């Protein structure tokens, strides 16, 4: 693989054997020794919730059992 210039960017081609789907977004991380790691970008659940008008606030719907059956300790 050889880096090449395309406009103002440097491009690395991905071999088709890796089966990367076109249009998939990745985040690139450069390592200390010059390695480059590409990680698939995941959706931001907060942005998605805002777009859909949803709330991500925690709501506790736990119902405590107040009925005793006689075997509980005091």
N, C-alpha and C. Protein backbone atom coordinates (compact mmCIF):
# COMPACT_ATOMS: atom_id res chain seq x y z
N UNK A 1 0.86 -1.16 0.00
CA UNK A 1 0.00 0.00 0.00
C UNK A 1 0.90 1.23 0.00
N UNK A 2 0.57 2.18 -0.84
CA UNK A 2 1.39 3.38 -0.93
C UNK A 2 0.49 4.60 -0.77
N UNK A 3 0.89 5.53 0.10
CA UNK A 3 0.14 6.76 0.30
C UNK A 3 0.29 7.64 -0.93
N UNK A 4 -0.81 8.30 -1.33
CA UNK A 4 -0.75 9.23 -2.46
C UNK A 4 -1.54 10.48 -2.12
N UNK A 5 -1.22 11.55 -2.81
CA UNK A 5 -1.90 12.82 -2.58
C UNK A 5 -3.12 12.91 -3.48
N UNK A 6 -4.25 13.35 -2.91
CA UNK A 6 -5.47 13.61 -3.67
C UNK A 6 -6.00 14.95 -3.18
N UNK A 7 -5.78 15.99 -3.96
CA UNK A 7 -6.13 17.34 -3.52
C UNK A 7 -5.24 17.74 -2.36
N UNK A 8 -5.86 18.09 -1.24
CA UNK A 8 -5.07 18.47 -0.06
C UNK A 8 -4.93 17.32 0.93
N UNK A 9 -5.47 16.14 0.57
CA UNK A 9 -5.44 14.98 1.46
C UNK A 9 -4.40 13.96 1.01
N UNK A 10 -3.99 13.11 1.95
CA UNK A 10 -3.17 11.95 1.65
C UNK A 10 -4.10 10.74 1.75
N UNK A 11 -4.07 9.89 0.73
CA UNK A 11 -5.02 8.77 0.64
C UNK A 11 -4.28 7.44 0.72
N UNK A 12 -4.83 6.52 1.51
CA UNK A 12 -4.37 5.13 1.54
C UNK A 12 -5.52 4.29 1.00
N UNK A 13 -5.28 3.49 0.00
CA UNK A 13 -6.35 2.64 -0.53
C UNK A 13 -6.50 1.41 0.34
N UNK A 14 -7.70 0.87 0.39
CA UNK A 14 -7.99 -0.32 1.18
C UNK A 14 -8.17 -1.49 0.22
N UNK A 15 -7.41 -2.55 0.39
CA UNK A 15 -7.57 -3.70 -0.49
C UNK A 15 -8.98 -4.29 -0.40
N UNK A 16 -9.54 -4.68 -1.55
CA UNK A 16 -10.92 -5.19 -1.58
C UNK A 16 -11.08 -6.47 -0.78
N UNK A 17 -10.01 -7.20 -0.53
CA UNK A 17 -10.08 -8.43 0.26
C UNK A 17 -10.56 -8.17 1.69
N UNK A 18 -10.44 -6.93 2.15
CA UNK A 18 -10.87 -6.59 3.52
C UNK A 18 -12.38 -6.37 3.62
N UNK A 19 -13.08 -6.38 2.47
CA UNK A 19 -14.55 -6.28 2.44
C UNK A 19 -15.10 -5.07 3.20
N UNK A 20 -14.53 -3.91 2.96
CA UNK A 20 -15.02 -2.68 3.57
C UNK A 20 -16.15 -2.14 2.70
N UNK A 21 -17.30 -1.88 3.32
CA UNK A 21 -18.43 -1.38 2.54
C UNK A 21 -18.25 0.10 2.21
N UNK A 22 -18.51 0.48 0.96
CA UNK A 22 -18.38 1.89 0.58
C UNK A 22 -19.31 2.78 1.40
N UNK A 23 -18.83 3.94 1.77
CA UNK A 23 -19.64 4.89 2.53
C UNK A 23 -19.52 4.73 4.04
N UNK A 24 -18.96 3.63 4.51
CA UNK A 24 -18.77 3.41 5.95
C UNK A 24 -17.77 4.43 6.48
N UNK A 25 -18.07 5.05 7.61
CA UNK A 25 -17.18 6.07 8.18
C UNK A 25 -16.27 5.46 9.25
N UNK A 26 -15.05 5.96 9.29
CA UNK A 26 -14.06 5.47 10.25
C UNK A 26 -13.39 6.65 10.94
N UNK A 27 -12.84 6.39 12.12
CA UNK A 27 -12.03 7.35 12.85
C UNK A 27 -10.60 6.82 12.77
N UNK A 28 -9.66 7.68 12.41
CA UNK A 28 -8.26 7.28 12.29
C UNK A 28 -7.48 7.72 13.51
N UNK A 29 -6.66 6.81 14.02
CA UNK A 29 -5.81 7.11 15.17
C UNK A 29 -4.37 6.78 14.78
N UNK A 30 -3.46 7.75 14.97
CA UNK A 30 -2.07 7.54 14.64
C UNK A 30 -1.31 7.12 15.89
N UNK A 31 -0.60 6.00 15.81
CA UNK A 31 0.17 5.49 16.93
C UNK A 31 1.52 6.18 17.06
N UNK A 32 2.20 5.91 18.16
CA UNK A 32 3.48 6.56 18.45
C UNK A 32 4.55 6.24 17.41
N UNK A 33 4.55 5.04 16.87
CA UNK A 33 5.60 4.63 15.94
C UNK A 33 5.16 4.77 14.48
N UNK A 34 4.10 5.56 14.24
CA UNK A 34 3.65 5.81 12.88
C UNK A 34 2.55 4.89 12.39
N UNK A 35 2.11 3.95 13.22
CA UNK A 35 1.03 3.07 12.81
C UNK A 35 -0.28 3.86 12.72
N UNK A 36 -1.19 3.41 11.88
CA UNK A 36 -2.49 4.05 11.74
C UNK A 36 -3.55 2.99 11.96
N UNK A 37 -4.47 3.26 12.86
CA UNK A 37 -5.57 2.34 13.15
C UNK A 37 -6.87 3.01 12.76
N UNK A 38 -7.69 2.30 11.99
CA UNK A 38 -9.00 2.81 11.59
C UNK A 38 -10.06 2.07 12.39
N UNK A 39 -10.92 2.83 13.06
CA UNK A 39 -11.97 2.26 13.89
C UNK A 39 -13.31 2.70 13.32
N UNK A 40 -14.26 1.75 13.11
CA UNK A 40 -15.57 2.14 12.59
C UNK A 40 -16.23 3.18 13.50
N UNK A 41 -16.75 4.22 12.88
CA UNK A 41 -17.41 5.29 13.63
C UNK A 41 -18.78 4.78 14.08
N UNK A 42 -19.10 4.97 15.35
CA UNK A 42 -20.40 4.56 15.87
C UNK A 42 -21.31 5.77 15.99
N UNK A 43 -22.60 5.51 15.94
CA UNK A 43 -23.56 6.60 16.04
C UNK A 43 -23.55 7.21 17.44
N UNK A 44 -23.74 8.50 17.52
CA UNK A 44 -23.81 9.21 18.78
C UNK A 44 -25.25 9.11 19.28
N UNK A 45 -25.48 8.32 20.34
CA UNK A 45 -26.85 8.11 20.81
C UNK A 45 -27.49 9.40 21.32
N UNK A 46 -26.67 10.35 21.75
CA UNK A 46 -27.21 11.61 22.24
C UNK A 46 -27.73 12.47 21.10
N UNK A 47 -26.95 12.56 20.01
CA UNK A 47 -27.40 13.32 18.85
C UNK A 47 -28.64 12.69 18.24
N UNK A 48 -28.66 11.36 18.17
CA UNK A 48 -29.80 10.64 17.61
C UNK A 48 -31.06 10.88 18.44
N UNK A 49 -30.92 10.89 19.77
CA UNK A 49 -32.07 11.12 20.65
C UNK A 49 -32.62 12.53 20.45
N UNK A 50 -31.74 13.51 20.32
CA UNK A 50 -32.17 14.89 20.12
C UNK A 50 -32.93 15.01 18.80
N UNK A 51 -32.39 14.39 17.73
CA UNK A 51 -33.03 14.43 16.42
C UNK A 51 -34.43 13.81 16.46
N UNK A 52 -34.60 12.76 17.28
CA UNK A 52 -35.88 12.05 17.37
C UNK A 52 -36.78 12.57 18.48
N UNK A 53 -36.35 13.61 19.19
CA UNK A 53 -37.14 14.17 20.27
C UNK A 53 -37.28 13.24 21.46
N UNK A 54 -36.29 12.37 21.65
CA UNK A 54 -36.33 11.40 22.75
C UNK A 54 -35.50 11.89 23.93
N UNK A 55 -35.81 11.36 25.10
CA UNK A 55 -35.05 11.68 26.30
C UNK A 55 -34.22 10.48 26.70
N UNK A 56 -33.00 10.71 27.14
CA UNK A 56 -32.15 9.62 27.62
C UNK A 56 -32.03 9.65 29.14
N UNK A 57 -32.92 10.40 29.78
CA UNK A 57 -32.89 10.46 31.24
C UNK A 57 -33.31 9.12 31.83
N UNK A 58 -32.64 8.72 32.90
CA UNK A 58 -32.96 7.49 33.59
C UNK A 58 -34.25 7.65 34.36
N UNK A 59 -35.16 6.72 34.17
CA UNK A 59 -36.41 6.72 34.92
C UNK A 59 -36.50 5.40 35.66
N UNK A 60 -36.58 5.49 36.98
CA UNK A 60 -36.64 4.30 37.82
C UNK A 60 -38.07 3.83 37.93
N UNK A 61 -38.38 2.70 37.30
CA UNK A 61 -39.73 2.15 37.39
C UNK A 61 -39.75 0.90 38.27
N UNK A 62 -38.72 0.78 39.13
CA UNK A 62 -38.64 -0.35 40.04
C UNK A 62 -39.73 -0.24 41.10
N UNK A 63 -40.48 -1.29 41.25
CA UNK A 63 -41.54 -1.34 42.27
C UNK A 63 -41.08 -2.26 43.39
N UNK A 64 -40.86 -1.67 44.56
CA UNK A 64 -40.41 -2.47 45.70
C UNK A 64 -41.55 -3.34 46.20
N UNK A 65 -41.24 -4.59 46.48
CA UNK A 65 -42.24 -5.54 46.98
C UNK A 65 -42.39 -5.30 48.48
N UNK A 66 -43.54 -4.76 48.89
CA UNK A 66 -43.77 -4.47 50.31
C UNK A 66 -44.55 -5.59 51.00
N UNK A 67 -44.91 -6.61 50.24
CA UNK A 67 -45.64 -7.72 50.82
C UNK A 67 -44.68 -8.67 51.50
N UNK A 68 -44.94 -9.02 52.76
CA UNK A 68 -44.08 -9.95 53.47
C UNK A 68 -44.74 -11.32 53.51
N UNK A 69 -43.90 -12.36 53.48
CA UNK A 69 -44.45 -13.71 53.53
C UNK A 69 -44.10 -14.41 54.83
N UNK A 70 -43.52 -13.69 55.78
CA UNK A 70 -43.24 -14.26 57.09
C UNK A 70 -41.84 -14.84 57.23
N UNK A 71 -41.08 -14.95 56.15
CA UNK A 71 -39.74 -15.56 56.25
C UNK A 71 -38.64 -14.51 56.25
N UNK A 72 -39.00 -13.22 56.26
CA UNK A 72 -38.00 -12.18 56.26
C UNK A 72 -37.37 -12.04 57.63
N UNK A 73 -36.12 -11.60 57.62
CA UNK A 73 -35.44 -11.36 58.89
C UNK A 73 -35.82 -9.96 59.38
N UNK A 74 -35.80 -9.76 60.72
CA UNK A 74 -36.11 -8.46 61.32
C UNK A 74 -34.93 -7.55 61.24
